[in-house]
N, C-alpha and C. Protein backbone atom coordinates (compact mmCIF):
# COMPACT_ATOMS: atom_id res chain seq x y z
N MET A 1 -13.75 15.33 -11.76
CA MET A 1 -14.94 15.53 -12.38
C MET A 1 -16.06 15.85 -11.22
N THR A 2 -16.86 16.88 -11.56
CA THR A 2 -17.86 17.39 -10.38
C THR A 2 -19.12 16.45 -10.59
N GLU A 3 -19.87 16.46 -9.63
CA GLU A 3 -21.00 15.67 -9.48
C GLU A 3 -21.95 16.21 -10.91
N ALA A 4 -21.95 17.51 -10.98
CA ALA A 4 -22.69 17.80 -12.16
C ALA A 4 -22.48 17.38 -13.66
N ALA A 5 -21.05 17.07 -13.61
CA ALA A 5 -20.54 16.62 -14.98
C ALA A 5 -20.69 15.23 -15.19
N ILE A 6 -21.15 14.50 -14.18
CA ILE A 6 -21.19 12.98 -14.16
C ILE A 6 -22.80 12.62 -14.88
N SER A 7 -22.61 11.90 -15.86
CA SER A 7 -23.65 11.78 -16.76
C SER A 7 -24.49 10.29 -15.95
N LEU A 8 -25.74 10.23 -16.38
CA LEU A 8 -26.43 8.81 -16.25
C LEU A 8 -25.65 7.74 -16.75
N ASP A 9 -25.27 7.90 -17.98
CA ASP A 9 -24.51 6.86 -18.70
C ASP A 9 -23.21 6.53 -17.93
N ASP A 10 -22.57 7.56 -17.47
CA ASP A 10 -21.22 7.21 -16.58
C ASP A 10 -21.65 6.55 -15.30
N VAL A 11 -22.62 6.89 -14.66
CA VAL A 11 -23.10 6.02 -13.46
C VAL A 11 -23.54 4.63 -13.86
N LEU A 12 -24.24 4.42 -14.89
CA LEU A 12 -24.60 3.01 -15.31
C LEU A 12 -23.60 2.28 -15.78
N ALA A 13 -22.73 2.81 -16.41
CA ALA A 13 -21.46 2.15 -16.95
C ALA A 13 -20.76 1.60 -15.82
N GLY A 14 -20.43 2.32 -14.83
CA GLY A 14 -19.71 1.87 -13.47
C GLY A 14 -20.56 0.97 -12.62
N LEU A 15 -21.68 0.84 -12.72
CA LEU A 15 -22.51 0.22 -11.71
C LEU A 15 -22.38 -1.20 -11.53
N GLY A 16 -22.56 -1.88 -12.71
CA GLY A 16 -22.25 -3.30 -12.72
C GLY A 16 -20.99 -3.85 -12.01
N PRO A 17 -19.83 -3.31 -12.25
CA PRO A 17 -18.69 -3.67 -11.49
C PRO A 17 -18.72 -3.31 -10.09
N ARG A 18 -19.24 -2.12 -9.71
CA ARG A 18 -19.51 -1.73 -8.40
C ARG A 18 -20.32 -2.62 -7.71
N LEU A 19 -21.58 -3.11 -8.15
CA LEU A 19 -22.28 -3.93 -7.49
C LEU A 19 -21.71 -5.43 -7.31
N LYS A 20 -20.82 -5.70 -8.14
CA LYS A 20 -20.13 -7.04 -8.01
C LYS A 20 -18.98 -6.87 -6.96
N ARG A 21 -18.25 -5.77 -6.87
CA ARG A 21 -17.28 -5.45 -5.99
C ARG A 21 -17.80 -5.29 -4.59
N ILE A 22 -18.92 -4.68 -4.40
CA ILE A 22 -19.45 -4.55 -3.06
C ILE A 22 -19.89 -6.03 -2.66
N ARG A 23 -20.58 -6.58 -3.48
CA ARG A 23 -21.14 -8.21 -2.96
C ARG A 23 -19.93 -8.83 -2.72
N MET A 24 -18.66 -8.71 -3.49
CA MET A 24 -17.51 -9.64 -2.87
C MET A 24 -16.93 -8.94 -1.69
N GLN A 25 -16.95 -7.73 -1.52
CA GLN A 25 -16.54 -7.16 -0.08
C GLN A 25 -17.25 -7.67 0.95
N LYS A 26 -18.52 -7.93 0.77
CA LYS A 26 -19.36 -8.37 1.86
C LYS A 26 -19.31 -9.81 1.92
N ASN A 27 -18.67 -10.59 1.06
CA ASN A 27 -18.48 -12.02 1.05
C ASN A 27 -19.68 -12.78 0.88
N THR A 28 -20.72 -12.24 -0.11
CA THR A 28 -21.95 -12.88 -0.38
C THR A 28 -21.87 -13.43 -1.62
N THR A 29 -22.38 -14.68 -1.67
CA THR A 29 -22.53 -15.23 -3.22
C THR A 29 -23.80 -14.70 -3.89
N LEU A 30 -23.95 -15.02 -5.19
CA LEU A 30 -25.03 -14.59 -6.08
C LEU A 30 -26.19 -15.35 -5.41
N THR A 31 -26.13 -16.64 -4.88
CA THR A 31 -27.06 -17.37 -4.41
C THR A 31 -27.73 -16.82 -3.23
N ALA A 32 -26.68 -16.40 -2.30
CA ALA A 32 -27.08 -15.89 -1.01
C ALA A 32 -27.85 -14.48 -1.22
N LEU A 33 -27.43 -13.65 -2.15
CA LEU A 33 -28.03 -12.43 -2.35
C LEU A 33 -29.35 -12.47 -3.03
N SER A 34 -29.39 -13.55 -3.98
CA SER A 34 -30.66 -13.87 -4.63
C SER A 34 -31.84 -14.37 -3.52
N GLU A 35 -31.35 -15.21 -2.66
CA GLU A 35 -32.31 -15.56 -1.39
C GLU A 35 -32.76 -14.41 -0.83
N THR A 36 -31.85 -13.42 -0.45
CA THR A 36 -32.00 -12.29 0.44
C THR A 36 -33.08 -11.40 -0.19
N THR A 37 -32.67 -11.10 -1.67
CA THR A 37 -33.50 -10.12 -2.29
C THR A 37 -34.84 -10.43 -3.05
N GLY A 38 -34.69 -11.94 -3.30
CA GLY A 38 -35.94 -12.48 -4.08
C GLY A 38 -35.67 -12.15 -5.71
N ILE A 39 -34.45 -11.66 -5.96
CA ILE A 39 -34.20 -11.59 -7.46
C ILE A 39 -33.24 -12.75 -7.85
N SER A 40 -33.49 -13.00 -9.08
CA SER A 40 -33.13 -14.37 -9.75
C SER A 40 -31.46 -14.16 -9.77
N ILE A 41 -30.86 -15.31 -9.69
CA ILE A 41 -29.36 -15.33 -9.87
C ILE A 41 -29.09 -14.80 -11.16
N SER A 42 -29.77 -15.10 -12.31
CA SER A 42 -29.38 -14.74 -13.62
C SER A 42 -29.60 -13.19 -13.77
N THR A 43 -30.59 -12.61 -13.01
CA THR A 43 -30.83 -11.27 -13.19
C THR A 43 -29.60 -10.50 -12.48
N LEU A 44 -29.29 -10.89 -11.38
CA LEU A 44 -28.20 -10.34 -10.47
C LEU A 44 -26.85 -10.34 -11.34
N SER A 45 -26.57 -11.63 -11.93
CA SER A 45 -25.19 -11.76 -12.89
C SER A 45 -25.43 -10.74 -13.86
N ARG A 46 -26.57 -10.53 -14.46
CA ARG A 46 -26.65 -9.70 -15.80
C ARG A 46 -26.51 -8.29 -15.21
N LEU A 47 -26.89 -7.84 -14.13
CA LEU A 47 -26.82 -6.54 -13.47
C LEU A 47 -25.41 -6.35 -13.41
N GLU A 48 -24.66 -7.33 -12.65
CA GLU A 48 -23.23 -7.07 -12.28
C GLU A 48 -22.36 -6.97 -13.76
N SER A 49 -22.78 -7.72 -14.58
CA SER A 49 -21.96 -7.67 -15.91
C SER A 49 -22.33 -6.61 -17.02
N GLY A 50 -23.36 -5.89 -16.50
CA GLY A 50 -23.54 -4.71 -17.20
C GLY A 50 -24.78 -4.99 -18.36
N ASP A 51 -25.06 -6.17 -18.40
CA ASP A 51 -26.02 -6.77 -19.53
C ASP A 51 -27.49 -6.44 -19.19
N ARG A 52 -27.86 -5.98 -18.05
CA ARG A 52 -29.13 -5.68 -17.67
C ARG A 52 -29.14 -4.16 -17.04
N ARG A 53 -29.98 -3.45 -17.58
CA ARG A 53 -30.23 -2.04 -17.20
C ARG A 53 -30.76 -2.08 -15.70
N PRO A 54 -30.17 -1.39 -14.70
CA PRO A 54 -30.73 -1.35 -13.27
C PRO A 54 -31.87 -0.55 -13.14
N SER A 55 -32.75 -0.89 -12.30
CA SER A 55 -33.89 -0.15 -12.13
C SER A 55 -34.02 -0.02 -10.64
N LEU A 56 -34.84 0.80 -10.13
CA LEU A 56 -35.19 1.09 -8.67
C LEU A 56 -35.78 -0.20 -7.96
N GLU A 57 -36.55 -1.04 -8.72
CA GLU A 57 -37.12 -2.12 -8.06
C GLU A 57 -35.99 -3.24 -7.92
N LEU A 58 -34.87 -3.17 -8.67
CA LEU A 58 -33.76 -4.11 -8.46
C LEU A 58 -32.87 -3.47 -7.54
N LEU A 59 -32.55 -2.31 -7.60
CA LEU A 59 -31.36 -1.69 -6.68
C LEU A 59 -31.83 -1.61 -5.26
N TRP A 60 -33.12 -1.35 -4.90
CA TRP A 60 -33.57 -1.21 -3.68
C TRP A 60 -33.37 -2.35 -2.72
N PRO A 61 -33.81 -3.58 -3.15
CA PRO A 61 -33.49 -4.77 -2.35
C PRO A 61 -32.11 -5.07 -2.15
N ILE A 62 -31.32 -4.74 -3.24
CA ILE A 62 -30.01 -5.11 -3.16
C ILE A 62 -29.20 -4.22 -2.07
N ALA A 63 -29.58 -2.80 -1.95
CA ALA A 63 -29.13 -1.93 -1.16
C ALA A 63 -29.56 -2.49 0.33
N ARG A 64 -30.62 -2.80 0.49
CA ARG A 64 -31.19 -3.19 1.83
C ARG A 64 -30.41 -4.60 1.99
N ALA A 65 -30.14 -5.51 1.33
CA ALA A 65 -29.49 -6.63 1.59
C ALA A 65 -27.98 -6.50 2.09
N HIS A 66 -27.31 -5.35 1.59
CA HIS A 66 -26.04 -5.01 1.76
C HIS A 66 -26.09 -4.04 3.04
N GLN A 67 -27.33 -3.67 3.57
CA GLN A 67 -27.44 -2.69 4.58
C GLN A 67 -26.67 -1.39 4.41
N MET A 68 -27.01 -0.68 3.22
CA MET A 68 -26.41 0.26 2.52
C MET A 68 -27.50 1.37 2.00
N ALA A 69 -27.40 2.50 2.07
CA ALA A 69 -28.22 3.50 1.48
C ALA A 69 -28.10 3.39 -0.07
N LEU A 70 -29.27 3.66 -0.65
CA LEU A 70 -29.17 3.46 -2.11
C LEU A 70 -28.27 4.23 -2.63
N ASP A 71 -28.16 5.53 -2.39
CA ASP A 71 -27.14 6.48 -2.94
C ASP A 71 -25.81 5.76 -2.79
N ASP A 72 -25.42 5.17 -1.62
CA ASP A 72 -24.07 4.84 -1.45
C ASP A 72 -23.93 3.52 -2.38
N LEU A 73 -24.95 2.65 -2.70
CA LEU A 73 -24.96 1.63 -3.51
C LEU A 73 -24.63 2.07 -4.95
N VAL A 74 -25.20 3.22 -5.43
CA VAL A 74 -25.31 3.53 -6.85
C VAL A 74 -24.06 4.45 -7.02
N THR A 75 -23.46 5.49 -6.17
CA THR A 75 -22.38 6.22 -6.40
C THR A 75 -21.24 5.76 -5.56
N ALA A 76 -20.08 5.80 -6.31
CA ALA A 76 -18.85 5.50 -5.65
C ALA A 76 -18.44 6.67 -4.79
N PRO A 77 -17.87 6.49 -3.77
CA PRO A 77 -17.51 7.56 -2.83
C PRO A 77 -16.13 8.31 -3.48
N PRO A 78 -16.12 9.61 -3.38
CA PRO A 78 -15.23 10.42 -4.10
C PRO A 78 -13.81 9.72 -3.67
N VAL A 79 -12.89 9.73 -4.71
CA VAL A 79 -11.57 9.15 -4.38
C VAL A 79 -10.66 10.42 -3.81
N ALA A 80 -10.08 9.88 -2.53
CA ALA A 80 -9.23 10.98 -1.82
C ALA A 80 -8.02 11.09 -2.54
N ASP A 81 -7.40 12.15 -2.27
CA ASP A 81 -6.22 12.47 -2.86
C ASP A 81 -5.15 11.51 -2.42
N PRO A 82 -4.62 10.78 -3.38
CA PRO A 82 -3.65 9.58 -2.75
C PRO A 82 -2.28 10.07 -2.55
N ARG A 83 -1.94 11.31 -2.89
CA ARG A 83 -0.46 11.71 -2.63
C ARG A 83 -0.15 11.86 -1.08
N VAL A 84 0.97 11.42 -0.74
CA VAL A 84 1.45 11.51 0.58
C VAL A 84 2.10 12.75 0.92
N ARG A 85 1.89 13.58 1.70
CA ARG A 85 2.44 14.82 1.86
C ARG A 85 2.85 14.77 3.26
N THR A 86 4.33 14.72 3.58
CA THR A 86 4.85 14.71 4.73
C THR A 86 6.10 15.60 4.69
N THR A 87 6.61 15.78 5.82
CA THR A 87 7.82 16.75 6.10
C THR A 87 9.19 16.04 6.38
N ALA A 88 10.15 16.15 5.81
CA ALA A 88 11.36 15.58 6.10
C ALA A 88 11.78 16.00 7.46
N THR A 89 12.70 15.11 7.93
CA THR A 89 13.35 15.41 9.44
C THR A 89 14.72 15.07 9.12
N VAL A 90 15.74 15.82 9.88
CA VAL A 90 17.06 15.55 9.82
C VAL A 90 17.62 15.04 11.11
N ARG A 91 18.32 13.94 10.99
CA ARG A 91 18.89 13.49 12.20
C ARG A 91 20.32 13.19 12.02
N GLU A 92 21.20 14.00 12.63
CA GLU A 92 22.75 13.91 12.32
C GLU A 92 22.99 13.97 10.86
N ASN A 93 23.45 13.11 10.23
CA ASN A 93 23.71 13.23 8.70
C ASN A 93 22.74 12.56 7.86
N VAL A 94 21.50 12.20 8.33
CA VAL A 94 20.34 11.56 7.58
C VAL A 94 19.15 12.32 7.68
N THR A 95 18.66 12.47 6.14
CA THR A 95 17.55 13.16 5.95
C THR A 95 16.43 12.02 5.70
N ILE A 96 15.34 12.11 6.47
CA ILE A 96 14.32 10.94 6.57
C ILE A 96 13.14 11.68 5.91
N LEU A 97 12.48 11.08 4.99
CA LEU A 97 11.11 11.44 4.43
C LEU A 97 10.22 10.21 4.44
N PRO A 98 9.21 10.44 5.41
CA PRO A 98 8.13 9.27 5.61
C PRO A 98 7.42 9.18 4.28
N LEU A 99 6.98 8.11 3.76
CA LEU A 99 6.46 7.81 2.70
C LEU A 99 5.06 7.05 2.85
N THR A 100 4.62 7.01 4.12
CA THR A 100 3.47 6.22 4.56
C THR A 100 2.67 7.35 5.63
N LEU A 101 1.55 7.36 5.71
CA LEU A 101 0.78 8.16 6.65
C LEU A 101 0.45 7.67 7.83
N ARG A 102 0.07 6.22 7.58
CA ARG A 102 -0.71 5.42 8.86
C ARG A 102 0.34 5.33 9.90
N PRO A 103 -0.06 5.39 11.09
CA PRO A 103 0.80 5.10 12.06
C PRO A 103 0.88 3.52 12.41
N GLY A 104 2.05 2.96 12.86
CA GLY A 104 2.13 1.61 13.22
C GLY A 104 2.15 0.86 12.06
N GLY A 105 2.49 -0.44 12.29
CA GLY A 105 2.56 -1.43 11.13
C GLY A 105 3.89 -1.05 10.16
N LEU A 106 3.71 -1.56 9.17
CA LEU A 106 4.77 -1.34 7.94
C LEU A 106 4.99 0.17 7.66
N GLN A 107 6.14 0.63 7.65
CA GLN A 107 6.55 1.97 7.27
C GLN A 107 7.41 2.12 6.39
N ALA A 108 7.27 3.07 5.33
CA ALA A 108 8.19 3.18 4.16
C ALA A 108 8.80 4.67 4.42
N PHE A 109 10.18 4.75 4.09
CA PHE A 109 10.85 6.05 4.21
C PHE A 109 11.78 6.05 2.98
N LYS A 110 12.11 7.40 2.56
CA LYS A 110 13.11 7.68 1.70
C LYS A 110 14.28 8.36 2.58
N LEU A 111 15.39 7.83 2.38
CA LEU A 111 16.56 8.43 3.20
C LEU A 111 17.63 8.97 2.36
N LEU A 112 18.30 10.13 2.69
CA LEU A 112 19.47 10.59 2.11
C LEU A 112 20.62 10.71 3.16
N VAL A 113 21.42 9.85 3.08
CA VAL A 113 22.44 9.57 4.08
C VAL A 113 23.75 10.45 3.49
N ARG A 114 24.12 11.53 4.11
CA ARG A 114 25.34 12.32 3.78
C ARG A 114 26.66 11.50 4.40
N PRO A 115 27.84 11.69 3.58
CA PRO A 115 29.05 11.10 4.24
C PRO A 115 29.39 11.78 5.59
N THR A 116 30.04 11.04 6.43
CA THR A 116 30.53 11.52 7.72
C THR A 116 31.88 10.77 8.01
N ASP A 117 32.54 11.41 8.83
CA ASP A 117 33.80 11.03 9.50
C ASP A 117 33.66 10.25 10.58
N ALA A 118 32.31 10.20 11.16
CA ALA A 118 32.19 9.35 12.40
C ALA A 118 32.50 7.80 12.31
N GLU A 119 33.06 7.32 13.42
CA GLU A 119 33.14 5.91 13.26
C GLU A 119 31.78 5.12 13.29
N PRO A 120 31.56 4.15 12.72
CA PRO A 120 30.37 3.27 12.67
C PRO A 120 30.17 2.89 14.22
N SER A 121 28.96 3.05 14.51
CA SER A 121 28.31 2.70 15.89
C SER A 121 27.12 1.81 15.75
N PRO A 122 27.45 0.51 15.50
CA PRO A 122 26.08 -0.44 15.37
C PRO A 122 25.28 -0.15 16.57
N LYS A 123 23.93 -0.30 16.18
CA LYS A 123 22.71 -0.11 17.21
C LYS A 123 21.85 -1.47 17.04
N VAL A 124 20.96 -1.63 18.11
CA VAL A 124 19.99 -2.73 18.10
C VAL A 124 18.59 -2.08 18.28
N HIS A 125 17.76 -2.49 17.95
CA HIS A 125 16.31 -2.06 18.34
C HIS A 125 15.28 -3.35 17.74
N GLU A 126 13.91 -2.99 18.35
CA GLU A 126 12.96 -4.04 17.82
C GLU A 126 12.66 -3.64 16.30
N GLY A 127 12.41 -4.52 15.50
CA GLY A 127 11.80 -4.35 14.27
C GLY A 127 12.59 -5.20 13.24
N TYR A 128 12.21 -5.07 11.87
CA TYR A 128 12.54 -5.71 10.78
C TYR A 128 12.71 -4.66 9.73
N GLU A 129 13.96 -4.74 9.04
CA GLU A 129 14.12 -3.32 7.96
C GLU A 129 14.62 -4.14 6.77
N TRP A 130 14.07 -3.43 5.64
CA TRP A 130 14.47 -3.74 4.22
C TRP A 130 15.02 -2.53 3.58
N LEU A 131 16.20 -2.51 3.00
CA LEU A 131 16.72 -1.29 2.45
C LEU A 131 17.01 -1.63 0.94
N TYR A 132 16.85 -0.55 0.19
CA TYR A 132 17.10 -0.61 -1.36
C TYR A 132 17.84 0.59 -1.71
N VAL A 133 19.00 0.43 -2.37
CA VAL A 133 19.81 1.63 -2.73
C VAL A 133 19.54 2.07 -3.93
N LEU A 134 19.08 3.50 -3.97
CA LEU A 134 18.75 4.10 -5.18
C LEU A 134 19.75 4.69 -5.96
N ASP A 135 20.64 5.55 -5.23
CA ASP A 135 21.84 6.06 -5.84
C ASP A 135 22.90 6.19 -4.72
N GLY A 136 24.21 6.21 -5.15
CA GLY A 136 25.16 6.20 -4.44
C GLY A 136 25.72 4.83 -3.86
N THR A 137 26.67 4.83 -2.91
CA THR A 137 27.34 3.55 -2.50
C THR A 137 26.89 3.56 -1.00
N LEU A 138 26.39 2.60 -0.43
CA LEU A 138 25.80 2.39 0.85
C LEU A 138 26.77 1.41 1.50
N ARG A 139 27.30 1.63 2.76
CA ARG A 139 28.11 0.55 3.55
C ARG A 139 27.15 0.22 4.59
N LEU A 140 27.00 -1.21 4.77
CA LEU A 140 25.99 -1.72 5.61
C LEU A 140 26.84 -2.58 6.65
N ILE A 141 26.95 -2.20 7.91
CA ILE A 141 27.46 -3.19 8.94
C ILE A 141 26.22 -3.93 9.57
N LEU A 142 26.34 -5.22 9.34
CA LEU A 142 25.28 -5.99 10.13
C LEU A 142 25.83 -7.30 10.73
N GLY A 143 26.03 -7.18 12.10
CA GLY A 143 26.67 -8.15 12.81
C GLY A 143 28.04 -8.29 12.39
N GLU A 144 28.53 -9.48 12.00
CA GLU A 144 29.84 -9.49 11.67
C GLU A 144 30.22 -9.14 10.27
N HIS A 145 29.08 -8.89 9.39
CA HIS A 145 29.30 -8.62 8.00
C HIS A 145 29.40 -7.02 7.85
N ASP A 146 30.25 -6.84 6.61
CA ASP A 146 30.77 -5.46 6.38
C ASP A 146 30.52 -5.31 5.09
N LEU A 147 29.40 -4.76 4.50
CA LEU A 147 28.83 -4.98 3.09
C LEU A 147 28.95 -3.55 2.38
N THR A 148 29.41 -3.69 1.02
CA THR A 148 29.08 -2.36 0.28
C THR A 148 28.05 -2.69 -0.81
N MET A 149 27.01 -1.79 -0.87
CA MET A 149 25.92 -1.84 -1.73
C MET A 149 25.79 -0.82 -2.74
N LYS A 150 25.44 -1.27 -4.02
CA LYS A 150 25.49 -0.30 -5.03
C LYS A 150 23.90 -0.16 -5.50
N PRO A 151 23.56 0.92 -6.50
CA PRO A 151 22.26 1.06 -6.55
C PRO A 151 21.70 -0.29 -7.34
N GLY A 152 20.33 -0.63 -6.96
CA GLY A 152 19.77 -1.63 -7.35
C GLY A 152 19.76 -2.87 -6.33
N GLU A 153 20.76 -2.88 -5.30
CA GLU A 153 20.81 -3.71 -4.52
C GLU A 153 19.97 -3.56 -3.14
N ALA A 154 19.52 -4.60 -2.64
CA ALA A 154 18.54 -4.69 -1.50
C ALA A 154 19.25 -5.57 -0.34
N ALA A 155 18.65 -5.17 0.83
CA ALA A 155 19.12 -5.99 2.06
C ALA A 155 17.81 -5.91 2.98
N GLU A 156 17.64 -7.07 3.46
CA GLU A 156 16.72 -7.24 4.64
C GLU A 156 17.15 -7.87 5.77
N PHE A 157 16.91 -7.40 7.01
CA PHE A 157 17.46 -7.92 8.31
C PHE A 157 16.59 -7.53 9.51
N ASP A 158 16.89 -8.47 10.62
CA ASP A 158 16.16 -8.30 11.85
C ASP A 158 17.06 -7.18 12.66
N THR A 159 16.43 -5.99 13.02
CA THR A 159 17.13 -4.94 13.52
C THR A 159 17.58 -5.24 15.12
N ARG A 160 17.26 -6.55 15.48
CA ARG A 160 17.95 -6.84 16.77
C ARG A 160 19.39 -7.24 16.72
N VAL A 161 19.71 -7.43 15.36
CA VAL A 161 21.19 -7.75 15.05
C VAL A 161 21.93 -6.24 15.04
N PRO A 162 23.02 -6.21 15.57
CA PRO A 162 23.75 -4.98 15.79
C PRO A 162 23.99 -4.43 14.08
N HIS A 163 23.48 -3.25 13.76
CA HIS A 163 23.73 -2.67 12.42
C HIS A 163 23.94 -1.16 12.44
N TRP A 164 24.45 -0.82 11.24
CA TRP A 164 24.84 0.56 10.90
C TRP A 164 25.02 0.68 9.50
N PHE A 165 24.59 1.98 8.95
CA PHE A 165 24.83 1.98 7.60
C PHE A 165 25.22 3.61 7.39
N GLY A 166 25.93 3.65 6.29
CA GLY A 166 26.37 5.23 5.96
C GLY A 166 26.87 5.22 4.51
N ALA A 167 27.07 6.43 4.11
CA ALA A 167 27.56 6.54 2.70
C ALA A 167 29.06 6.31 2.48
N VAL A 168 29.33 5.79 1.42
CA VAL A 168 30.71 5.40 1.13
C VAL A 168 31.21 6.46 0.01
N GLY A 169 32.39 7.19 0.29
CA GLY A 169 32.95 8.13 -0.60
C GLY A 169 32.28 9.59 -0.28
N PRO A 170 32.55 10.52 -1.19
CA PRO A 170 32.31 11.93 -1.14
C PRO A 170 30.76 12.09 -1.36
N ARG A 171 30.01 11.45 -1.93
CA ARG A 171 28.58 11.68 -2.30
C ARG A 171 27.73 11.06 -1.30
N PRO A 172 26.59 11.57 -1.19
CA PRO A 172 25.39 11.03 -0.27
C PRO A 172 24.96 9.73 -1.07
N VAL A 173 24.19 8.96 -0.03
CA VAL A 173 23.52 7.82 -0.83
C VAL A 173 22.00 7.89 -0.62
N GLU A 174 21.34 7.61 -1.64
CA GLU A 174 19.91 7.92 -1.50
C GLU A 174 19.38 6.41 -1.31
N LEU A 175 18.37 6.10 -0.40
CA LEU A 175 17.88 4.72 -0.22
C LEU A 175 16.39 4.75 0.12
N LEU A 176 15.66 3.55 -0.16
CA LEU A 176 14.30 3.45 0.37
C LEU A 176 14.33 2.26 1.59
N SER A 177 13.63 2.60 2.46
CA SER A 177 13.74 1.86 3.73
C SER A 177 12.27 1.40 4.04
N LEU A 178 12.14 0.20 4.11
CA LEU A 178 10.78 -0.41 4.84
C LEU A 178 11.11 -1.01 6.15
N PHE A 179 10.20 -0.27 7.15
CA PHE A 179 10.35 -0.74 8.58
C PHE A 179 9.34 -1.38 9.04
N GLY A 180 9.29 -2.53 9.48
CA GLY A 180 8.05 -3.03 10.15
C GLY A 180 8.34 -3.55 11.72
N PRO A 181 7.27 -3.96 12.48
CA PRO A 181 7.44 -4.30 13.75
C PRO A 181 8.22 -5.61 13.59
N GLN A 182 8.66 -6.05 14.79
CA GLN A 182 9.46 -7.38 15.02
C GLN A 182 8.42 -8.62 14.48
N GLY A 183 8.98 -9.52 13.75
CA GLY A 183 8.18 -10.53 13.11
C GLY A 183 7.51 -10.22 11.68
N GLU A 184 7.32 -8.95 11.38
CA GLU A 184 6.71 -8.51 10.10
C GLU A 184 7.63 -8.55 9.09
N ARG A 185 7.79 -9.29 8.19
CA ARG A 185 8.81 -9.34 7.00
C ARG A 185 8.29 -8.93 5.75
N MET A 186 9.09 -8.47 4.77
CA MET A 186 8.70 -8.41 3.50
C MET A 186 8.48 -9.83 2.73
N HIS A 187 7.60 -9.69 1.86
CA HIS A 187 7.37 -11.08 1.06
C HIS A 187 8.12 -11.25 -0.19
N VAL A 188 8.92 -10.06 -0.56
CA VAL A 188 9.71 -10.20 -1.83
C VAL A 188 11.19 -10.65 -1.14
N ARG A 189 11.90 -11.71 -1.76
CA ARG A 189 13.14 -12.15 -1.25
C ARG A 189 14.12 -12.06 -2.41
N ALA A 190 15.10 -11.51 -2.28
CA ALA A 190 16.35 -11.67 -3.41
C ALA A 190 16.88 -12.85 -3.25
N LYS A 191 17.37 -13.37 -4.57
CA LYS A 191 18.08 -14.86 -4.45
C LYS A 191 19.62 -14.45 -3.95
N PRO A 192 20.09 -15.36 -3.15
CA PRO A 192 21.55 -14.98 -2.73
C PRO A 192 22.48 -15.07 -3.98
N MET A 193 23.46 -14.27 -4.02
CA MET A 193 24.53 -14.21 -5.07
C MET A 193 25.58 -15.44 -4.74
N VAL A 194 25.52 -16.21 -5.99
CA VAL A 194 26.56 -17.34 -5.92
C VAL A 194 27.83 -17.05 -6.42
């Protein structure tokens, strides 16, 4: 939607929740904002709920209290294109497609592992990894364990443990991988099978 296509009603309809969101992001209570602006708590509350139509006399002190330009307070910044556009790389028998753009921290990848006749060669490195099989069958060697994983199964492990994974059978295996720095773990845990 272009700026010209945005009506006053559209701006006003989104303003109450936007005012509340900004106040919460700034860790400011209604009481504190009331003290700073001189606007009553009930008026601020009604502005945030949309029960009170905003005016310049109300918005100006709120913008100053949040140390924002009035334009930034009233209109939301344009939403950036959320799509991740990256290029796949190929390393030996694995195609790697990054799914995150930010450097460092937790990284997501989609992997396509093609079958190979090479013998497993477990490696170690710093980090923590979570794998989720989308399609095909994955063989995961992790320390003393030699596991076969099917679609819908997940594994997580410290990458300082010797590990290797590859496709089982003639078809490639497709999987998601989340990789984080040492000590950074996923918050989702699968129950062990009994």
